[in-house]
Amino acid sequence: MDKTHDFRTLEEIRQRKYELRRQIDRDNEHISQLWGSLFVKRKDSTTGQFVTNLLSHGAMVIDAFLLVKKLRRNYGGLMQSLRRKKS
């Protein structure tokens, strides 16, 4: 981050405002390019890649489900006791 500036005139403030606006516009353009690259359609995958991706995503879903189940089992009583205290 930039250091704080001691502005003495309105012209210095305008100049700094212009510099910040340029920097924001450049950053906005960069973010727009990155955002657009997130949704680029990939090449058609082979059947083997499709199956691999399907298994990988399925494993992640199962893992997330088991994690939620474990957390509810271990900390479910804590959440219920907090709800009782509010009532």
Protein backbone atom coordinates (compact mmCIF):
# COMPACT_ATOMS: atom_id res chain seq x y z
CA MET A 1 0.00 0.00 0.00
CA ASP A 2 1.07 3.51 -0.61
CA LYS A 3 2.06 5.77 2.21
CA THR A 4 -0.24 8.55 3.22
CA HIS A 5 0.27 11.79 1.34
CA ASP A 6 0.39 15.33 2.61
CA PHE A 7 -1.62 17.30 0.11
CA ARG A 8 -1.10 21.03 0.01
CA THR A 9 -3.23 22.09 -2.94
CA LEU A 10 -6.37 21.01 -4.72
CA GLU A 11 -4.27 20.24 -7.79
CA GLU A 12 -2.28 17.64 -5.82
CA ILE A 13 -5.53 16.03 -4.69
CA ARG A 14 -6.85 15.97 -8.28
CA GLN A 15 -3.58 14.47 -9.52
CA ARG A 16 -3.69 11.73 -6.87
CA LYS A 17 -7.35 11.07 -7.65
CA TYR A 18 -6.48 10.71 -11.34
CA GLU A 19 -3.64 8.29 -10.54
CA LEU A 20 -5.89 6.19 -8.32
CA ARG A 21 -8.62 6.12 -10.97
CA ARG A 22 -6.11 4.90 -13.59
CA GLN A 23 -4.86 2.21 -11.21
CA ILE A 24 -8.42 1.10 -10.42
CA ASP A 25 -9.27 0.96 -14.13
CA ARG A 26 -6.18 -1.18 -14.85
CA ASP A 27 -7.02 -3.51 -11.96
CA ASN A 28 -10.62 -3.74 -13.12
CA GLU A 29 -9.49 -4.67 -16.64
CA HIS A 30 -7.16 -7.33 -15.23
CA ILE A 31 -9.90 -8.78 -13.02
CA SER A 32 -12.30 -8.82 -15.99
CA GLN A 33 -9.79 -10.81 -18.04
CA LEU A 34 -9.26 -13.28 -15.21
CA TRP A 35 -13.00 -13.61 -14.63
CA GLY A 36 -13.58 -14.27 -18.32
CA SER A 37 -10.92 -16.96 -18.37
CA LEU A 38 -12.78 -18.87 -15.65
CA PHE A 39 -15.64 -19.63 -18.00
CA VAL A 40 -13.77 -20.57 -21.15
CA LYS A 41 -15.22 -23.75 -22.59
CA ARG A 42 -12.67 -26.50 -22.57
CA LYS A 43 -11.98 -28.89 -25.41
CA ASP A 44 -14.16 -31.97 -25.66
CA SER A 45 -12.73 -34.63 -23.44
CA THR A 46 -12.38 -38.27 -24.25
CA THR A 47 -14.60 -40.89 -22.65
CA GLY A 48 -11.81 -41.85 -20.28
CA GLN A 49 -11.36 -38.26 -19.11
CA PHE A 50 -15.13 -37.90 -18.70
CA VAL A 51 -15.30 -41.00 -16.49
CA THR A 52 -12.26 -39.86 -14.49
CA ASN A 53 -13.82 -36.44 -13.90
CA LEU A 54 -17.13 -38.02 -12.97
CA LEU A 55 -15.47 -40.30 -10.41
CA SER A 56 -13.39 -37.43 -9.04
CA HIS A 57 -16.41 -35.17 -8.57
CA GLY A 58 -18.42 -38.02 -7.09
CA ALA A 59 -15.65 -38.71 -4.58
CA MET A 60 -15.60 -35.03 -3.59
CA VAL A 61 -19.37 -35.04 -3.04
CA ILE A 62 -19.18 -38.16 -0.89
CA ASP A 63 -16.26 -36.71 1.07
CA ALA A 64 -18.16 -33.47 1.70
CA PHE A 65 -21.23 -35.42 2.82
CA LEU A 66 -19.19 -37.52 5.25
CA LEU A 67 -17.47 -34.40 6.61
CA VAL A 68 -20.80 -32.69 7.30
CA LYS A 69 -22.13 -35.86 8.92
CA LYS A 70 -19.06 -36.14 11.15
CA LEU A 71 -19.19 -32.47 12.17
CA ARG A 72 -22.88 -32.69 13.00
CA ARG A 73 -22.28 -35.82 15.06
CA ASN A 74 -19.37 -34.31 16.98
CA TYR A 75 -20.64 -30.76 17.40
CA GLY A 76 -24.41 -31.20 17.07
CA GLY A 77 -24.92 -31.14 20.84
CA LEU A 78 -22.97 -27.90 21.07
CA MET A 79 -25.21 -26.26 18.49
CA GLN A 80 -28.36 -27.42 20.29
CA SER A 81 -27.13 -26.09 23.62
CA LEU A 82 -26.38 -22.72 22.03
CA ARG A 83 -29.90 -22.58 20.60
CA ARG A 84 -31.39 -23.37 24.03
CA LYS A 85 -29.43 -20.55 25.66
CA LYS A 86 -30.82 -18.00 23.17
CA SER A 87 -34.43 -19.05 23.89
